[in-house]
PDB file of N, CA and C in Angstrom:
ATOM      1  N   UNK A   1       0.704  -1.206   0.074  1.00  0.00           N
ATOM      2  CA  UNK A   1      -0.422  -0.346   0.220  1.00  0.00           C
ATOM      3  C   UNK A   1       0.803   1.010  -0.141  1.00  0.00           C
ATOM      4  N   UNK A   2       0.707   2.228  -0.717  1.00  0.00           N
ATOM      5  CA  UNK A   2       1.141   3.641  -0.714  1.00  0.00           C
ATOM      6  C   UNK A   2       0.980   4.259   0.644  1.00  0.00           C
ATOM      7  N   UNK A   3       2.543   4.560   1.174  1.00  0.00           N
ATOM      8  CA  UNK A   3       1.979   5.755   2.077  1.00  0.00           C
ATOM      9  C   UNK A   3       1.422   6.997   1.631  1.00  0.00           C
ATOM     10  N   UNK A   4      -0.092   7.147   2.287  1.00  0.00           N
ATOM     11  CA  UNK A   4      -0.709   8.206   2.555  1.00  0.00           C
ATOM     12  C   UNK A   4      -0.154   9.455   2.693  1.00  0.00           C
ATOM     13  N   UNK A   5       0.604   9.948   3.618  1.00  0.00           N
ATOM     14  CA  UNK A   5       1.514  10.877   3.663  1.00  0.00           C
ATOM     15  C   UNK A   5       2.225  11.308   2.246  1.00  0.00           C
ATOM     16  N   UNK A   6       2.908  10.501   1.622  1.00  0.00           N
ATOM     17  CA  UNK A   6       3.760  10.833   0.730  1.00  0.00           C
ATOM     18  C   UNK A   6       2.395  10.944  -0.654  1.00  0.00           C
ATOM     19  N   UNK A   7       1.469  10.056  -0.919  1.00  0.00           N
ATOM     20  CA  UNK A   7       0.813   9.762  -1.939  1.00  0.00           C
ATOM     21  C   UNK A   7      -0.559   9.732  -1.645  1.00  0.00           C
ATOM     22  N   UNK A   8      -1.319  11.655  -0.879  1.00  0.00           N
ATOM     23  CA  UNK A   8      -2.487  11.535  -0.686  1.00  0.00           C
ATOM     24  C   UNK A   8      -3.743  10.863  -1.411  1.00  0.00           C
ATOM     25  N   UNK A   9      -3.294  10.629  -2.513  1.00  0.00           N
ATOM     26  CA  UNK A   9      -4.423   9.908  -3.631  1.00  0.00           C
ATOM     27  C   UNK A   9      -4.598   8.828  -3.225  1.00  0.00           C
ATOM     28  N   UNK A  10      -3.899   8.007  -2.984  1.00  0.00           N
ATOM     29  CA  UNK A  10      -4.001   6.592  -2.259  1.00  0.00           C
ATOM     30  C   UNK A  10      -4.837   6.480  -1.285  1.00  0.00           C
ATOM     31  N   UNK A  11      -5.509   7.504  -0.225  1.00  0.00           N
ATOM     32  CA  UNK A  11      -6.511   6.928   0.760  1.00  0.00           C
ATOM     33  C   UNK A  11      -7.974   7.337  -0.343  1.00  0.00           C
ATOM     34  N   UNK A  12      -8.138   7.344  -1.720  1.00  0.00           N
ATOM     35  CA  UNK A  12      -9.172   7.639  -2.082  1.00  0.00           C
ATOM     36  C   UNK A  12      -9.927   6.267  -3.565  1.00  0.00           C
ATOM     37  N   UNK A  13     -11.102   5.811  -2.898  1.00  0.00           N
ATOM     38  CA  UNK A  13     -11.083   4.754  -3.708  1.00  0.00           C
ATOM     39  C   UNK A  13     -11.316   5.120  -5.290  1.00  0.00           C
ATOM     40  N   UNK A  14     -11.055   4.036  -5.748  1.00  0.00           N
ATOM     41  CA  UNK A  14     -11.550   4.872  -7.355  1.00  0.00           C
ATOM     42  C   UNK A  14     -12.660   5.504  -7.921  1.00  0.00           C
ATOM     43  N   UNK A  15     -13.805   5.034  -6.751  1.00  0.00           N
ATOM     44  CA  UNK A  15     -15.168   6.241  -6.837  1.00  0.00           C
ATOM     45  C   UNK A  15     -14.974   7.573  -6.914  1.00  0.00           C
ATOM     46  N   UNK A  16     -13.765   7.314  -5.804  1.00  0.00           N
ATOM     47  CA  UNK A  16     -13.527   9.169  -5.637  1.00  0.00           C
ATOM     48  C   UNK A  16     -12.824  10.317  -6.233  1.00  0.00           C
ATOM     49  N   UNK A  17     -12.228   9.516  -7.272  1.00  0.00           N
ATOM     50  CA  UNK A  17     -11.374  10.615  -8.672  1.00  0.00           C
ATOM     51  C   UNK A  17     -12.199   9.863  -9.878  1.00  0.00           C
ATOM     52  N   UNK A  18     -13.495   9.730  -9.945  1.00  0.00           N
ATOM     53  CA  UNK A  18     -14.146   9.476 -11.594  1.00  0.00           C
ATOM     54  C   UNK A  18     -14.570  10.991 -11.877  1.00  0.00           C
ATOM     55  N   UNK A  19     -14.232  11.571 -12.664  1.00  0.00           N
ATOM     56  CA  UNK A  19     -14.788  13.061 -12.671  1.00  0.00           C
ATOM     57  C   UNK A  19     -16.215  12.935 -13.164  1.00  0.00           C
ATOM     58  N   UNK A  20     -16.608  14.105 -12.488  1.00  0.00           N
ATOM     59  CA  UNK A  20     -18.390  14.364 -13.147  1.00  0.00           C
ATOM     60  C   UNK A  20     -18.703  15.440 -12.909  1.00  0.00           C
ATOM     61  N   UNK A  21     -19.455  15.715 -13.870  1.00  0.00           N
ATOM     62  CA  UNK A  21     -20.210  17.012 -14.085  1.00  0.00           C
ATOM     63  C   UNK A  21     -21.083  17.573 -13.223  1.00  0.00           C
ATOM     64  N   UNK A  22     -20.828  18.801 -12.363  1.00  0.00           N
ATOM     65  CA  UNK A  22     -21.448  19.727 -11.414  1.00  0.00           C
ATOM     66  C   UNK A  22     -22.435  19.951 -11.909  1.00  0.00           C
ATOM     67  N   UNK A  23     -23.975  20.190 -10.775  1.00  0.00           N
ATOM     68  CA  UNK A  23     -25.278  20.906 -11.384  1.00  0.00           C
ATOM     69  C   UNK A  23     -25.118  21.858 -12.546  1.00  0.00           C
ATOM     70  N   UNK A  24     -23.846  22.989 -12.258  1.00  0.00           N
ATOM     71  CA  UNK A  24     -23.890  24.164 -12.992  1.00  0.00           C
ATOM     72  C   UNK A  24     -22.694  23.735 -14.446  1.00  0.00           C
ATOM     73  N   UNK A  25     -22.581  22.406 -14.569  1.00  0.00           N
ATOM     74  CA  UNK A  25     -22.250  22.145 -16.011  1.00  0.00           C
ATOM     75  C   UNK A  25     -20.377  22.005 -15.682  1.00  0.00           C
ATOM     76  N   UNK A  26     -20.276  22.275 -14.475  1.00  0.00           N
ATOM     77  CA  UNK A  26     -18.573  22.756 -14.174  1.00  0.00           C
ATOM     78  C   UNK A  26     -17.971  21.642 -13.758  1.00  0.00           C
ATOM     79  N   UNK A  27     -16.459  21.461 -13.419  1.00  0.00           N
ATOM     80  CA  UNK A  27     -16.372  20.404 -12.530  1.00  0.00           C
ATOM     81  C   UNK A  27     -17.465  19.825 -11.285  1.00  0.00           C
ATOM     82  N   UNK A  28     -17.336  18.661 -11.148  1.00  0.00           N
ATOM     83  CA  UNK A  28     -17.744  18.530  -9.713  1.00  0.00           C
ATOM     84  C   UNK A  28     -16.730  18.605  -8.581  1.00  0.00           C
ATOM     85  N   UNK A  29     -17.214  18.475  -7.364  1.00  0.00           N
ATOM     86  CA  UNK A  29     -16.363  18.798  -6.479  1.00  0.00           C
ATOM     87  C   UNK A  29     -14.742  17.502  -6.130  1.00  0.00           C
ATOM     88  N   UNK A  30     -15.847  15.947  -7.298  1.00  0.00           N
ATOM     89  CA  UNK A  30     -14.699  15.291  -7.429  1.00  0.00           C
ATOM     90  C   UNK A  30     -13.664  15.774  -7.833  1.00  0.00           C
ATOM     91  N   UNK A  31     -13.689  15.950  -9.296  1.00  0.00           N
ATOM     92  CA  UNK A  31     -12.875  15.863 -10.075  1.00  0.00           C
ATOM     93  C   UNK A  31     -11.961  17.686  -8.998  1.00  0.00           C
ATOM     94  N   UNK A  32     -12.312  18.879  -8.600  1.00  0.00           N
ATOM     95  CA  UNK A  32     -11.234  19.594  -7.873  1.00  0.00           C
ATOM     96  C   UNK A  32     -10.357  19.311  -6.743  1.00  0.00           C
ATOM     97  N   UNK A  33     -11.306  18.313  -5.869  1.00  0.00           N
ATOM     98  CA  UNK A  33     -10.718  17.158  -5.343  1.00  0.00           C
ATOM     99  C   UNK A  33      -9.303  16.975  -5.531  1.00  0.00           C
ATOM    100  N   UNK A  34      -9.635  15.690  -6.507  1.00  0.00           N
ATOM    101  CA  UNK A  34      -8.886  14.928  -7.078  1.00  0.00           C
ATOM    102  C   UNK A  34      -7.497  15.979  -8.031  1.00  0.00           C
ATOM    103  N   UNK A  35      -8.150  17.183  -8.347  1.00  0.00           N
ATOM    104  CA  UNK A  35      -6.505  17.853  -8.892  1.00  0.00           C
ATOM    105  C   UNK A  35      -5.671  18.550  -8.010  1.00  0.00           C
ATOM    106  N   UNK A  36      -6.713  18.893  -6.909  1.00  0.00           N
ATOM    107  CA  UNK A  36      -5.665  19.317  -5.710  1.00  0.00           C
ATOM    108  C   UNK A  36      -4.726  18.233  -5.130  1.00  0.00           C
ATOM    109  N   UNK A  37      -5.421  17.062  -4.906  1.00  0.00           N
ATOM    110  CA  UNK A  37      -4.834  16.137  -4.404  1.00  0.00           C
ATOM    111  C   UNK A  37      -3.349  15.768  -5.738  1.00  0.00           C
ATOM    112  N   UNK A  38      -3.657  15.745  -6.717  1.00  0.00           N
ATOM    113  CA  UNK A  38      -2.980  15.258  -8.358  1.00  0.00           C
ATOM    114  C   UNK A  38      -1.478  16.309  -7.803  1.00  0.00           C
ATOM    115  N   UNK A  39      -2.203  17.607  -7.445  1.00  0.00           N
ATOM    116  CA  UNK A  39      -1.269  18.639  -8.063  1.00  0.00           C
ATOM    117  C   UNK A  39       0.036  18.603  -7.225  1.00  0.00           C
ATOM    118  N   UNK A  40       0.203  18.063  -6.124  1.00  0.00           N
ATOM    119  CA  UNK A  40       1.274  18.098  -5.067  1.00  0.00           C
ATOM    120  C   UNK A  40       2.203  16.476  -5.119  1.00  0.00           C
ATOM    121  N   UNK A  41       1.401  15.833  -5.765  1.00  0.00           N
ATOM    122  CA  UNK A  41       2.012  14.673  -5.735  1.00  0.00           C
ATOM    123  C   UNK A  41       2.910  14.108  -6.301  1.00  0.00           C
ATOM    124  N   UNK A  42       4.435  13.744  -5.966  1.00  0.00           N
ATOM    125  CA  UNK A  42       5.607  13.222  -6.498  1.00  0.00           C
ATOM    126  C   UNK A  42       5.414  12.500  -7.607  1.00  0.00           C
ATOM    127  N   UNK A  43       4.202  11.459  -8.145  1.00  0.00           N
ATOM    128  CA  UNK A  43       4.392  11.068  -9.080  1.00  0.00           C
ATOM    129  C   UNK A  43       3.565  11.104  -9.913  1.00  0.00           C
ATOM    130  N   UNK A  44       3.070  12.134 -10.030  1.00  0.00           N
ATOM    131  CA  UNK A  44       2.441  13.278 -11.059  1.00  0.00           C
ATOM    132  C   UNK A  44       2.530  12.651 -12.522  1.00  0.00           C
ATOM    133  N   UNK A  45       3.769  13.418 -12.787  1.00  0.00           N
ATOM    134  CA  UNK A  45       4.259  13.415 -14.110  1.00  0.00           C
ATOM    135  C   UNK A  45       4.128  11.876 -14.726  1.00  0.00           C
ATOM    136  N   UNK A  46       4.513  10.930 -13.828  1.00  0.00           N
ATOM    137  CA  UNK A  46       4.496   9.198 -13.773  1.00  0.00           C
ATOM    138  C   UNK A  46       3.056   9.050 -14.379  1.00  0.00           C
ATOM    139  N   UNK A  47       2.472   9.322 -13.370  1.00  0.00           N
ATOM    140  CA  UNK A  47       0.825   8.320 -13.436  1.00  0.00           C
ATOM    141  C   UNK A  47       0.182   9.261 -14.406  1.00  0.00           C
ATOM    142  N   UNK A  48       0.284  10.575 -14.582  1.00  0.00           N
ATOM    143  CA  UNK A  48      -0.078  11.163 -15.855  1.00  0.00           C
ATOM    144  C   UNK A  48       0.595   9.958 -17.477  1.00  0.00           C
ATOM    145  N   UNK A  49       1.867   9.648 -17.522  1.00  0.00           N
ATOM    146  CA  UNK A  49       2.227   9.424 -18.738  1.00  0.00           C
ATOM    147  C   UNK A  49       2.168   8.266 -18.797  1.00  0.00           C
ATOM    148  N   UNK A  50       1.896   7.277 -17.749  1.00  0.00           N
ATOM    149  CA  UNK A  50       1.502   5.956 -17.836  1.00  0.00           C
ATOM    150  C   UNK A  50      -0.244   6.196 -18.478  1.00  0.00           C
ATOM    151  N   UNK A  51      -1.368   6.571 -18.219  1.00  0.00           N
ATOM    152  CA  UNK A  51      -2.569   7.072 -18.493  1.00  0.00           C
ATOM    153  C   UNK A  51      -2.772   7.556 -19.757  1.00  0.00           C
ATOM    154  N   UNK A  52      -1.938   8.002 -20.030  1.00  0.00           N
ATOM    155  CA  UNK A  52      -1.944   8.526 -21.928  1.00  0.00           C
ATOM    156  C   UNK A  52      -1.281   7.584 -22.697  1.00  0.00           C
ATOM    157  N   UNK A  53      -0.401   7.015 -22.141  1.00  0.00           N
ATOM    158  CA  UNK A  53       0.433   5.577 -23.209  1.00  0.00           C
ATOM    159  C   UNK A  53      -0.101   4.941 -22.633  1.00  0.00           C
ATOM    160  N   UNK A  54      -1.016   4.321 -22.175  1.00  0.00           N
ATOM    161  CA  UNK A  54      -2.176   3.106 -22.517  1.00  0.00           C
ATOM    162  C   UNK A  54      -3.630   3.477 -22.453  1.00  0.00           C
ATOM    163  N   UNK A  55      -4.029   4.396 -22.662  1.00  0.00           N
ATOM    164  CA  UNK A  55      -5.385   4.875 -22.934  1.00  0.00           C
ATOM    165  C   UNK A  55      -6.107   4.668 -22.054  1.00  0.00           C
ATOM    166  N   UNK A  56      -6.266   5.132 -21.009  1.00  0.00           N
ATOM    167  CA  UNK A  56      -6.767   4.986 -19.775  1.00  0.00           C
ATOM    168  C   UNK A  56      -7.876   5.825 -20.151  1.00  0.00           C
ATOM    169  N   UNK A  57      -9.057   5.583 -19.624  1.00  0.00           N
ATOM    170  CA  UNK A  57     -10.477   6.192 -20.276  1.00  0.00           C
ATOM    171  C   UNK A  57     -11.407   6.510 -18.977  1.00  0.00           C
ATOM    172  N   UNK A  58     -11.071   6.455 -18.149  1.00  0.00           N
ATOM    173  CA  UNK A  58     -11.669   6.439 -16.950  1.00  0.00           C
ATOM    174  C   UNK A  58     -10.377   6.926 -15.657  1.00  0.00           C
ATOM    175  N   UNK A  59     -11.446   8.114 -14.821  1.00  0.00           N
ATOM    176  CA  UNK A  59     -10.804   8.369 -13.597  1.00  0.00           C
ATOM    177  C   UNK A  59      -9.904  10.019 -13.901  1.00  0.00           C
ATOM    178  N   UNK A  60      -9.548  10.576 -13.242  1.00  0.00           N
ATOM    179  CA  UNK A  60      -8.454  11.345 -12.917  1.00  0.00           C
ATOM    180  C   UNK A  60      -7.030  10.610 -13.003  1.00  0.00           C
ATOM    181  N   UNK A  61      -6.516  11.035 -13.611  1.00  0.00           N
ATOM    182  CA  UNK A  61      -4.638  10.197 -13.713  1.00  0.00           C
ATOM    183  C   UNK A  61      -3.528  11.678 -13.684  1.00  0.00           C
ATOM    184  N   UNK A  62      -2.709  11.627 -12.788  1.00  0.00           N
ATOM    185  CA  UNK A  62      -1.746  13.032 -13.220  1.00  0.00           C
ATOM    186  C   UNK A  62      -2.677  14.240 -13.309  1.00  0.00           C
ATOM    187  N   UNK A  63      -3.934  14.148 -12.485  1.00  0.00           N
ATOM    188  CA  UNK A  63      -4.872  15.311 -12.749  1.00  0.00           C
ATOM    189  C   UNK A  63      -5.352  15.900 -13.703  1.00  0.00           C
ATOM    190  N   UNK A  64      -5.667  14.851 -14.864  1.00  0.00           N
ATOM    191  CA  UNK A  64      -6.404  15.040 -15.588  1.00  0.00           C
ATOM    192  C   UNK A  64      -7.895  14.031 -16.254  1.00  0.00           C
ATOM    193  N   UNK A  65      -8.478  14.837 -16.683  1.00  0.00           N
ATOM    194  CA  UNK A  65      -9.564  14.248 -17.134  1.00  0.00           C
ATOM    195  C   UNK A  65      -9.895  13.321 -18.320  1.00  0.00           C
ATOM    196  N   UNK A  66     -10.521  12.162 -18.396  1.00  0.00           N
ATOM    197  CA  UNK A  66     -10.603  11.619 -19.286  1.00  0.00           C
ATOM    198  C   UNK A  66     -10.248  12.402 -20.758  1.00  0.00           C
ATOM    199  N   UNK A  67     -11.107  13.389 -21.017  1.00  0.00           N
ATOM    200  CA  UNK A  67     -11.347  14.186 -21.685  1.00  0.00           C
ATOM    201  C   UNK A  67     -10.167  14.979 -22.509  1.00  0.00           C
ATOM    202  N   UNK A  68      -8.990  15.082 -21.369  1.00  0.00           N
ATOM    203  CA  UNK A  68      -7.932  16.058 -21.341  1.00  0.00           C
ATOM    204  C   UNK A  68      -6.843  14.887 -21.881  1.00  0.00           C
ATOM    205  N   UNK A  69      -6.901  13.648 -21.591  1.00  0.00           N
ATOM    206  CA  UNK A  69      -6.063  13.256 -22.085  1.00  0.00           C
ATOM    207  C   UNK A  69      -6.118  12.388 -23.502  1.00  0.00           C
ATOM    208  N   UNK A  70      -7.969  12.651 -23.670  1.00  0.00           N
ATOM    209  CA  UNK A  70      -8.030  12.376 -25.628  1.00  0.00           C
ATOM    210  C   UNK A  70      -7.722  13.540 -25.887  1.00  0.00           C
ATOM    211  N   UNK A  71      -7.355  14.422 -25.356  1.00  0.00           N
ATOM    212  CA  UNK A  71      -6.709  15.437 -26.271  1.00  0.00           C
ATOM    213  C   UNK A  71      -5.146  15.220 -26.387  1.00  0.00           C
ATOM    214  N   UNK A  72      -4.817  14.945 -25.339  1.00  0.00           N
ATOM    215  CA  UNK A  72      -3.338  15.292 -25.202  1.00  0.00           C
ATOM    216  C   UNK A  72      -2.888  13.879 -26.146  1.00  0.00           C
ATOM    217  N   UNK A  73      -3.471  12.970 -26.374  1.00  0.00           N
ATOM    218  CA  UNK A  73      -2.934  12.182 -27.194  1.00  0.00           C
ATOM    219  C   UNK A  73      -3.421  12.218 -29.181  1.00  0.00           C
ATOM    220  N   UNK A  74      -3.862  13.056 -28.916  1.00  0.00           N
ATOM    221  CA  UNK A  74      -4.680  13.656 -30.552  1.00  0.00           C
ATOM    222  C   UNK A  74      -3.399  14.902 -30.604  1.00  0.00           C
ATOM    223  N   UNK A  75      -3.138  15.179 -29.758  1.00  0.00           N
ATOM    224  CA  UNK A  75      -1.967  16.209 -30.281  1.00  0.00           C
ATOM    225  C   UNK A  75      -0.806  15.412 -30.466  1.00  0.00           C
ATOM    226  N   UNK A  76      -0.618  14.378 -29.990  1.00  0.00           N
ATOM    227  CA  UNK A  76       0.828  13.766 -29.762  1.00  0.00           C
ATOM    228  C   UNK A  76       0.806  13.207 -31.238  1.00  0.00           C
ATOM    229  N   UNK A  77      -0.327  12.468 -31.579  1.00  0.00           N
ATOM    230  CA  UNK A  77       0.013  11.822 -32.725  1.00  0.00           C
ATOM    231  C   UNK A  77      -0.402  12.469 -34.094  1.00  0.00           C
ATOM    232  N   UNK A  78      -0.740  13.800 -34.220  1.00  0.00           N
ATOM    233  CA  UNK A  78      -0.342  14.778 -34.957  1.00  0.00           C
ATOM    234  C   UNK A  78       0.752  15.329 -34.834  1.00  0.00           C
ATOM    235  N   UNK A  79       0.747  15.927 -34.337  1.00  0.00           N
ATOM    236  CA  UNK A  79       2.799  16.120 -33.685  1.00  0.00           C
ATOM    237  C   UNK A  79       3.631  15.028 -34.571  1.00  0.00           C
ATOM    238  N   UNK A  80       3.333  13.790 -34.008  1.00  0.00           N
ATOM    239  CA  UNK A  80       4.328  12.774 -34.371  1.00  0.00           C
ATOM    240  C   UNK A  80       4.110  12.811 -36.260  1.00  0.00           C
ATOM    241  N   UNK A  81       2.834  12.732 -36.661  1.00  0.00           N
ATOM    242  CA  UNK A  81       2.953  12.464 -38.480  1.00  0.00           C
ATOM    243  C   UNK A  81       3.338  14.251 -38.920  1.00  0.00           C
ATOM    244  N   UNK A  82       3.052  14.991 -38.041  1.00  0.00           N
ATOM    245  CA  UNK A  82       4.160  16.166 -38.720  1.00  0.00           C
ATOM    246  C   UNK A  82       5.396  15.945 -38.610  1.00  0.00           C
ATOM    247  N   UNK A  83       6.043  15.618 -37.782  1.00  0.00           N
ATOM    248  CA  UNK A  83       7.634  15.452 -37.707  1.00  0.00           C
ATOM    249  C   UNK A  83       7.727  14.353 -38.194  1.00  0.00           C
ATOM    250  N   UNK A  84       7.256  13.389 -38.921  1.00  0.00           N
ATOM    251  CA  UNK A  84       7.836  12.494 -39.376  1.00  0.00           C
ATOM    252  C   UNK A  84       7.798  12.878 -40.887  1.00  0.00           C
ATOM    253  N   UNK A  85       6.969  13.677 -41.605  1.00  0.00           N
ATOM    254  CA  UNK A  85       7.010  14.472 -42.584  1.00  0.00           C
ATOM    255  C   UNK A  85       6.351  13.326 -43.880  1.00  0.00           C
ATOM    256  N   UNK A  86       6.234  14.094 -45.210  1.00  0.00           N
ATOM    257  CA  UNK A  86       5.807  13.121 -46.416  1.00  0.00           C
ATOM    258  C   UNK A  86       6.248  11.766 -46.418  1.00  0.00           C
ATOM    259  N   UNK A  87       5.569  10.871 -46.750  1.00  0.00           N
ATOM    260  CA  UNK A  87       6.110   9.702 -46.994  1.00  0.00           C
ATOM    261  C   UNK A  87       7.393   9.677 -48.420  1.00  0.00           C
ATOM    262  N   UNK A  88       8.700   9.208 -48.106  1.00  0.00           N
ATOM    263  CA  UNK A  88       9.867   9.637 -48.886  1.00  0.00           C
ATOM    264  C   UNK A  88       9.262   8.634 -50.592  1.00  0.00           C
ATOM    265  N   UNK A  89       9.574   9.587 -51.525  1.00  0.00           N
ATOM    266  CA  UNK A  89       9.268   9.355 -53.384  1.00  0.00           C
ATOM    267  C   UNK A  89       7.422   8.997 -53.192  1.00  0.00           C
ATOM    268  N   UNK A  90       6.812  10.005 -52.762  1.00  0.00           N
ATOM    269  CA  UNK A  90       5.314  10.015 -52.766  1.00  0.00           C
ATOM    270  C   UNK A  90       4.874  11.384 -53.615  1.00  0.00           C
ATOM    271  N   UNK A  91       3.748  11.589 -53.654  1.00  0.00           N
ATOM    272  CA  UNK A  91       3.337  12.846 -54.803  1.00  0.00           C
ATOM    273  C   UNK A  91       4.214  13.893 -53.897  1.00  0.00           C
ATOM    274  N   UNK A  92       4.323  13.796 -52.996  1.00  0.00           N
ATOM    275  CA  UNK A  92       4.558  15.303 -52.237  1.00  0.00           C
ATOM    276  C   UNK A  92       6.603  15.339 -52.701  1.00  0.00           C
ATOM    277  N   UNK A  93       7.135  14.131 -53.167  1.00  0.00           N
ATOM    278  CA  UNK A  93       8.480  14.872 -54.085  1.00  0.00           C
ATOM    279  C   UNK A  93       8.215  14.733 -55.513  1.00  0.00           C
ATOM    280  N   UNK A  94       7.337  14.846 -56.144  1.00  0.00           N
ATOM    281  CA  UNK A  94       6.941  14.735 -57.068  1.00  0.00           C
ATOM    282  C   UNK A  94       6.810  13.432 -58.264  1.00  0.00           C
ATOM    283  N   UNK A  95       6.664  12.438 -57.596  1.00  0.00           N
ATOM    284  CA  UNK A  95       6.632  11.102 -58.028  1.00  0.00           C
ATOM    285  C   UNK A  95       5.172  10.814 -57.993  1.00  0.00           C
ATOM    286  N   UNK A  96       4.087  10.633 -59.398  1.00  0.00           N
ATOM    287  CA  UNK A  96       3.096   9.437 -58.781  1.00  0.00           C
ATOM    288  C   UNK A  96       2.394  11.137 -59.074  1.00  0.00           C
ATOM    289  N   UNK A  97       2.779  11.915 -59.679  1.00  0.00           N
ATOM    290  CA  UNK A  97       1.846  13.235 -59.766  1.00  0.00           C
ATOM    291  C   UNK A  97       1.616  13.676 -60.973  1.00  0.00           C
ATOM    292  N   UNK A  98       0.339  13.223 -61.630  1.00  0.00           N
ATOM    293  CA  UNK A  98       0.033  13.761 -63.032  1.00  0.00           C
ATOM    294  C   UNK A  98       0.871  14.894 -63.627  1.00  0.00           C
ATOM    295  N   UNK A  99       1.380  15.812 -62.909  1.00  0.00           N
ATOM    296  CA  UNK A  99       1.540  16.854 -63.496  1.00  0.00           C
ATOM    297  C   UNK A  99       2.892  16.766 -63.894  1.00  0.00           C
ATOM    298  N   UNK A 100       3.856  16.297 -63.122  1.00  0.00           N
ATOM    299  CA  UNK A 100       5.549  15.545 -63.169  1.00  0.00           C
ATOM    300  C   UNK A 100       5.513  14.704 -64.223  1.00  0.00           C
ATOM    301  N   UNK A 101       4.359  13.802 -64.654  1.00  0.00           N
ATOM    302  CA  UNK A 101       4.885  12.454 -65.453  1.00  0.00           C
ATOM    303  C   UNK A 101       4.297  13.317 -67.002  1.00  0.00           C
ATOM    304  N   UNK A 102       3.831  14.697 -66.811  1.00  0.00           N
ATOM    305  CA  UNK A 102       3.163  15.345 -68.324  1.00  0.00           C
ATOM    306  C   UNK A 102       4.129  15.925 -68.736  1.00  0.00           C
ATOM    307  N   UNK A 103       5.525  16.756 -67.909  1.00  0.00           N
ATOM    308  CA  UNK A 103       6.366  17.687 -67.806  1.00  0.00           C
ATOM    309  C   UNK A 103       7.652  16.797 -68.920  1.00  0.00           C
TER     310      UNK A 103
END
């Protein structure tokens, strides 16, 4: 078991850290509480990294909601595609393009 002095989030059961919307549409107290607990946790970054890399779809991990982690994953995928660049020898390089064959 985790030391609750070092890892206060370990005192909460899974139901306590699953985000829900409050009556006004804003985050419910569960989400606010979980963010406060995660904020000072020494393993927050590792927790978030694990949740993003494994596709964890439930609960608060590393101070983020499932929607926030989906956006992080989508951004990472987009950045990865852009960084990889166009396929070598593809249409972007002038191969297979009808205009380049006609010339």
